[in-house]
N, C-alpha and C. Protein backbone atom coordinates (compact mmCIF):
# COMPACT_ATOMS: atom_id res chain seq x y z
N MET A 1 89.56 111.12 79.34
CA MET A 1 89.05 109.99 80.11
C MET A 1 88.30 109.02 79.20
N SER A 2 87.58 109.58 78.24
CA SER A 2 86.83 108.70 77.33
C SER A 2 87.79 107.90 76.46
N MET A 3 88.92 108.48 76.09
CA MET A 3 89.90 107.73 75.30
C MET A 3 90.46 106.57 76.10
N ALA A 4 90.71 106.80 77.38
CA ALA A 4 91.23 105.73 78.23
C ALA A 4 90.23 104.60 78.37
N SER A 5 88.96 104.94 78.53
CA SER A 5 87.93 103.91 78.68
C SER A 5 87.71 103.14 77.38
N ASN A 6 88.06 103.76 76.24
CA ASN A 6 87.91 103.08 74.95
C ASN A 6 89.17 102.33 74.54
N GLY A 7 90.19 102.35 75.40
CA GLY A 7 91.40 101.59 75.14
C GLY A 7 92.38 102.28 74.21
N ALA A 8 92.32 103.59 74.12
CA ALA A 8 93.24 104.33 73.26
C ALA A 8 94.67 104.24 73.79
N THR A 9 95.62 104.37 72.90
CA THR A 9 97.03 104.33 73.29
C THR A 9 97.53 105.75 73.55
N ILE A 10 98.69 105.83 74.17
CA ILE A 10 99.33 107.12 74.44
C ILE A 10 99.59 107.85 73.13
N GLU A 11 100.07 107.11 72.14
CA GLU A 11 100.38 107.72 70.85
C GLU A 11 99.13 108.26 70.16
N ALA A 12 98.01 107.54 70.27
CA ALA A 12 96.76 108.01 69.67
C ALA A 12 96.29 109.30 70.33
N ALA A 13 96.41 109.37 71.65
CA ALA A 13 96.02 110.57 72.37
C ALA A 13 96.92 111.75 72.01
N ALA A 14 98.21 111.48 71.87
CA ALA A 14 99.15 112.54 71.49
C ALA A 14 98.82 113.07 70.10
N ALA A 15 98.50 112.18 69.18
CA ALA A 15 98.15 112.61 67.82
C ALA A 15 96.87 113.42 67.82
N LYS A 16 95.89 113.00 68.61
CA LYS A 16 94.61 113.72 68.65
C LYS A 16 94.78 115.13 69.19
N PHE A 17 95.61 115.29 70.23
CA PHE A 17 95.78 116.60 70.86
C PHE A 17 96.97 117.38 70.30
N GLY A 18 97.70 116.79 69.34
CA GLY A 18 98.82 117.48 68.72
C GLY A 18 99.95 117.78 69.68
N THR A 19 100.31 116.81 70.50
CA THR A 19 101.38 116.99 71.48
C THR A 19 102.26 115.75 71.51
N LEU A 20 103.26 115.76 72.34
CA LEU A 20 104.18 114.63 72.46
C LEU A 20 103.61 113.55 73.38
N PRO A 21 103.96 112.28 73.14
CA PRO A 21 103.51 111.20 74.02
C PRO A 21 103.94 111.41 75.48
N GLN A 22 105.12 112.02 75.70
CA GLN A 22 105.59 112.26 77.05
C GLN A 22 104.67 113.24 77.78
N THR A 23 104.15 114.21 77.06
CA THR A 23 103.22 115.17 77.66
C THR A 23 101.94 114.48 78.09
N ILE A 24 101.42 113.61 77.23
CA ILE A 24 100.21 112.85 77.55
C ILE A 24 100.45 111.97 78.77
N THR A 25 101.61 111.33 78.82
CA THR A 25 101.94 110.46 79.95
C THR A 25 101.93 111.24 81.26
N ARG A 26 102.52 112.44 81.26
CA ARG A 26 102.53 113.27 82.48
C ARG A 26 101.12 113.71 82.86
N LYS A 27 100.35 114.11 81.87
CA LYS A 27 98.99 114.62 82.15
C LYS A 27 98.09 113.52 82.73
N VAL A 28 98.11 112.34 82.12
CA VAL A 28 97.22 111.28 82.61
C VAL A 28 97.65 110.80 83.98
N ALA A 29 98.95 110.88 84.28
CA ALA A 29 99.42 110.48 85.61
C ALA A 29 98.85 111.39 86.69
N LYS A 30 98.70 112.68 86.37
CA LYS A 30 98.12 113.63 87.33
C LYS A 30 96.68 113.28 87.67
N PHE A 31 95.95 112.75 86.69
CA PHE A 31 94.54 112.42 86.89
C PHE A 31 94.33 110.97 87.31
N GLY A 32 95.40 110.21 87.41
CA GLY A 32 95.28 108.82 87.81
C GLY A 32 94.72 107.93 86.71
N ILE A 33 94.85 108.36 85.48
CA ILE A 33 94.36 107.58 84.34
C ILE A 33 95.53 106.80 83.77
N GLN A 34 95.26 105.61 83.26
CA GLN A 34 96.32 104.83 82.66
C GLN A 34 96.03 104.60 81.19
N LEU A 35 96.99 104.96 80.36
CA LEU A 35 96.95 104.66 78.93
C LEU A 35 98.17 103.79 78.63
N LYS A 36 98.01 102.86 77.76
CA LYS A 36 99.11 101.98 77.38
C LYS A 36 99.76 102.52 76.11
N SER A 37 101.03 102.16 75.92
CA SER A 37 101.72 102.56 74.70
C SER A 37 101.29 101.61 73.58
N SER A 38 101.51 102.03 72.33
CA SER A 38 101.15 101.17 71.21
C SER A 38 101.99 99.90 71.19
N ALA A 39 103.25 99.99 71.65
CA ALA A 39 104.11 98.80 71.72
C ALA A 39 103.51 97.78 72.69
N TRP A 40 103.02 98.24 73.83
CA TRP A 40 102.38 97.34 74.79
C TRP A 40 101.16 96.70 74.16
N SER A 41 100.35 97.48 73.48
CA SER A 41 99.14 96.97 72.85
C SER A 41 99.47 95.91 71.80
N GLU A 42 100.50 96.15 71.02
CA GLU A 42 100.91 95.18 70.00
C GLU A 42 101.38 93.88 70.63
N ARG A 43 102.15 93.97 71.73
CA ARG A 43 102.61 92.75 72.42
C ARG A 43 101.42 91.97 72.96
N GLN A 44 100.45 92.66 73.54
CA GLN A 44 99.28 91.98 74.09
C GLN A 44 98.47 91.30 73.00
N GLN A 45 98.34 91.95 71.85
CA GLN A 45 97.62 91.34 70.74
C GLN A 45 98.33 90.10 70.22
N ALA A 46 99.67 90.15 70.18
CA ALA A 46 100.45 88.99 69.74
C ALA A 46 100.32 87.83 70.72
N VAL A 47 100.35 88.13 72.01
CA VAL A 47 100.18 87.08 73.03
C VAL A 47 98.80 86.46 72.92
N ARG A 48 97.80 87.29 72.76
CA ARG A 48 96.42 86.79 72.64
C ARG A 48 96.26 85.93 71.40
N ALA A 49 96.82 86.36 70.28
CA ALA A 49 96.73 85.59 69.04
C ALA A 49 97.42 84.24 69.19
N ALA A 50 98.59 84.22 69.83
CA ALA A 50 99.31 82.97 70.05
C ALA A 50 98.52 82.04 70.96
N PHE A 51 97.90 82.61 71.99
CA PHE A 51 97.11 81.80 72.92
C PHE A 51 95.91 81.19 72.20
N LEU A 52 95.22 82.00 71.40
CA LEU A 52 94.06 81.50 70.67
C LEU A 52 94.44 80.47 69.62
N ALA A 53 95.66 80.55 69.10
CA ALA A 53 96.14 79.58 68.12
C ALA A 53 96.62 78.29 68.78
N GLY A 54 96.59 78.25 70.10
CA GLY A 54 96.98 77.04 70.81
C GLY A 54 98.41 77.06 71.31
N ASN A 55 99.13 78.14 71.11
CA ASN A 55 100.50 78.27 71.61
C ASN A 55 100.45 78.93 72.97
N ARG A 56 100.26 78.13 74.00
CA ARG A 56 100.15 78.67 75.34
C ARG A 56 101.43 79.36 75.76
N GLN A 57 101.28 80.47 76.47
CA GLN A 57 102.43 81.23 76.94
C GLN A 57 102.84 80.80 78.36
N VAL A 58 102.15 79.82 78.90
CA VAL A 58 102.41 79.36 80.26
C VAL A 58 103.37 78.18 80.20
N ALA A 59 104.23 78.05 81.17
CA ALA A 59 105.13 76.91 81.21
C ALA A 59 104.32 75.62 81.23
N SER A 60 104.76 74.63 80.47
CA SER A 60 103.99 73.41 80.31
C SER A 60 103.90 72.59 81.59
N ARG A 61 104.79 72.79 82.52
CA ARG A 61 104.80 72.00 83.75
C ARG A 61 104.21 72.77 84.91
N SER A 62 103.49 73.80 84.60
CA SER A 62 102.89 74.64 85.63
C SER A 62 102.01 73.81 86.54
N ARG A 63 102.18 74.02 87.84
CA ARG A 63 101.40 73.36 88.89
C ARG A 63 101.70 71.88 89.09
N GLU A 64 102.72 71.36 88.43
CA GLU A 64 103.12 69.98 88.68
C GLU A 64 104.01 69.94 89.91
N PRO A 65 103.92 68.89 90.71
CA PRO A 65 104.79 68.80 91.89
C PRO A 65 106.25 68.62 91.48
N TRP A 66 107.15 69.08 92.34
CA TRP A 66 108.57 68.97 92.09
C TRP A 66 109.07 67.59 92.52
N SER A 67 109.95 67.02 91.73
CA SER A 67 110.55 65.73 92.08
C SER A 67 111.90 65.97 92.77
N ILE A 68 112.42 64.94 93.37
CA ILE A 68 113.73 65.03 94.03
C ILE A 68 114.81 65.33 92.99
N GLU A 69 114.68 64.71 91.80
CA GLU A 69 115.66 64.96 90.73
C GLU A 69 115.64 66.43 90.31
N GLU A 70 114.45 67.02 90.22
CA GLU A 70 114.36 68.43 89.86
C GLU A 70 114.99 69.32 90.93
N ASP A 71 114.76 68.98 92.18
CA ASP A 71 115.38 69.74 93.27
C ASP A 71 116.90 69.67 93.17
N ASN A 72 117.42 68.50 92.86
CA ASN A 72 118.87 68.34 92.73
C ASN A 72 119.41 69.11 91.53
N ARG A 73 118.67 69.11 90.41
CA ARG A 73 119.08 69.89 89.24
C ARG A 73 119.07 71.38 89.55
N LEU A 74 118.07 71.81 90.35
CA LEU A 74 118.00 73.22 90.75
C LEU A 74 119.22 73.59 91.59
N ARG A 75 119.57 72.74 92.52
CA ARG A 75 120.76 72.98 93.35
C ARG A 75 122.02 73.07 92.47
N ALA A 76 122.15 72.13 91.53
CA ALA A 76 123.33 72.11 90.65
C ALA A 76 123.36 73.35 89.76
N SER A 77 122.23 73.75 89.24
CA SER A 77 122.17 74.93 88.38
C SER A 77 122.54 76.19 89.15
N LEU A 78 122.07 76.27 90.37
CA LEU A 78 122.43 77.43 91.20
C LEU A 78 123.92 77.43 91.50
N ALA A 79 124.48 76.25 91.75
CA ALA A 79 125.92 76.16 92.03
C ALA A 79 126.73 76.58 90.81
N GLU A 80 126.19 76.35 89.60
CA GLU A 80 126.87 76.78 88.37
C GLU A 80 126.70 78.27 88.12
N GLY A 81 125.80 78.90 88.85
CA GLY A 81 125.58 80.34 88.69
C GLY A 81 124.58 80.70 87.62
N GLN A 82 123.72 79.77 87.23
CA GLN A 82 122.72 80.06 86.20
C GLN A 82 121.64 80.98 86.75
N THR A 83 121.03 81.74 85.86
CA THR A 83 119.95 82.65 86.24
C THR A 83 118.64 81.90 86.35
N ALA A 84 117.68 82.51 87.02
CA ALA A 84 116.35 81.89 87.17
C ALA A 84 115.70 81.70 85.80
N ARG A 85 115.92 82.65 84.90
CA ARG A 85 115.33 82.55 83.56
C ARG A 85 115.89 81.35 82.80
N THR A 86 117.19 81.13 82.89
CA THR A 86 117.81 80.01 82.21
C THR A 86 117.33 78.69 82.79
N ILE A 87 117.28 78.62 84.11
CA ILE A 87 116.82 77.40 84.78
C ILE A 87 115.36 77.14 84.40
N ALA A 88 114.55 78.17 84.38
CA ALA A 88 113.13 78.02 84.03
C ALA A 88 112.97 77.49 82.62
N ARG A 89 113.76 78.03 81.71
CA ARG A 89 113.66 77.60 80.32
C ARG A 89 113.98 76.12 80.18
N HIS A 90 115.02 75.66 80.87
CA HIS A 90 115.42 74.25 80.78
C HIS A 90 114.47 73.32 81.51
N SER A 91 113.86 73.79 82.57
CA SER A 91 112.98 72.93 83.37
C SER A 91 111.51 73.04 82.97
N LYS A 92 111.21 73.93 82.01
CA LYS A 92 109.84 74.14 81.54
C LYS A 92 108.93 74.62 82.67
N ARG A 93 109.48 75.47 83.52
CA ARG A 93 108.71 76.09 84.60
C ARG A 93 108.88 77.59 84.51
N THR A 94 108.09 78.32 85.26
CA THR A 94 108.19 79.77 85.24
C THR A 94 109.34 80.23 86.14
N THR A 95 109.81 81.45 85.90
CA THR A 95 110.88 81.99 86.76
C THR A 95 110.37 82.16 88.18
N ARG A 96 109.09 82.48 88.31
CA ARG A 96 108.52 82.62 89.65
C ARG A 96 108.54 81.28 90.39
N ALA A 97 108.24 80.19 89.66
CA ALA A 97 108.27 78.87 90.27
C ALA A 97 109.68 78.49 90.70
N ILE A 98 110.66 78.86 89.88
CA ILE A 98 112.06 78.56 90.21
C ILE A 98 112.48 79.31 91.46
N ARG A 99 112.16 80.59 91.51
CA ARG A 99 112.54 81.40 92.68
C ARG A 99 111.84 80.90 93.94
N ARG A 100 110.57 80.55 93.81
CA ARG A 100 109.81 80.07 94.97
C ARG A 100 110.36 78.74 95.48
N ARG A 101 110.71 77.83 94.56
CA ARG A 101 111.24 76.54 94.98
C ARG A 101 112.61 76.72 95.65
N ALA A 102 113.42 77.63 95.11
CA ALA A 102 114.72 77.91 95.74
C ALA A 102 114.51 78.45 97.15
N GLU A 103 113.49 79.28 97.31
CA GLU A 103 113.19 79.82 98.64
C GLU A 103 112.75 78.71 99.59
N ILE A 104 111.91 77.81 99.11
CA ILE A 104 111.44 76.68 99.93
C ILE A 104 112.60 75.79 100.35
N LEU A 105 113.53 75.56 99.41
CA LEU A 105 114.68 74.71 99.71
C LEU A 105 115.79 75.47 100.44
N GLU A 106 115.52 76.74 100.74
CA GLU A 106 116.47 77.62 101.41
C GLU A 106 117.78 77.73 100.64
N LEU A 107 117.65 77.89 99.31
CA LEU A 107 118.79 78.08 98.43
C LEU A 107 118.87 79.55 98.07
N SER A 108 120.07 80.01 97.80
CA SER A 108 120.24 81.41 97.46
C SER A 108 121.24 81.54 96.32
N TRP A 109 120.98 82.47 95.40
CA TRP A 109 121.92 82.74 94.31
C TRP A 109 123.20 83.34 94.88
N LEU A 110 123.10 84.11 95.92
CA LEU A 110 124.29 84.71 96.53
C LEU A 110 125.19 83.64 97.13
N ASP A 111 124.58 82.67 97.82
CA ASP A 111 125.38 81.59 98.41
C ASP A 111 126.05 80.77 97.33
N ALA A 112 125.32 80.53 96.22
CA ALA A 112 125.86 79.71 95.14
C ALA A 112 127.04 80.41 94.48
N LYS A 113 126.96 81.73 94.33
CA LYS A 113 128.05 82.49 93.69
C LYS A 113 129.28 82.54 94.59
N ALA A 114 129.08 82.52 95.89
CA ALA A 114 130.21 82.60 96.82
C ALA A 114 131.04 81.32 96.81
N LYS A 115 130.42 80.21 96.46
CA LYS A 115 131.13 78.91 96.50
C LYS A 115 132.04 78.72 95.31
């Protein structure tokens, strides 16, 4: 428990107790404790470093209102069968924003694929 509160990784706990990471994962799940893997920790450190360096990880158009042209591009992209991730990348919005706007406009990927 003290390792979890100090932010230790699964791999660090496995090394300390001389066991496999999978064993540590099963044991902590029984106690309701959460430990992160070293890969997760490295990704979080990279994201934090990029954020502090001014490279925001958020879509640049976050919270901007949608225009009629954007709605039309979303409709066209769905008709072409593009994924939410692809549409988000091109529109500089998050995938969540793309899915939510499609829901508001009552658009569906299934309907677009059927056409």
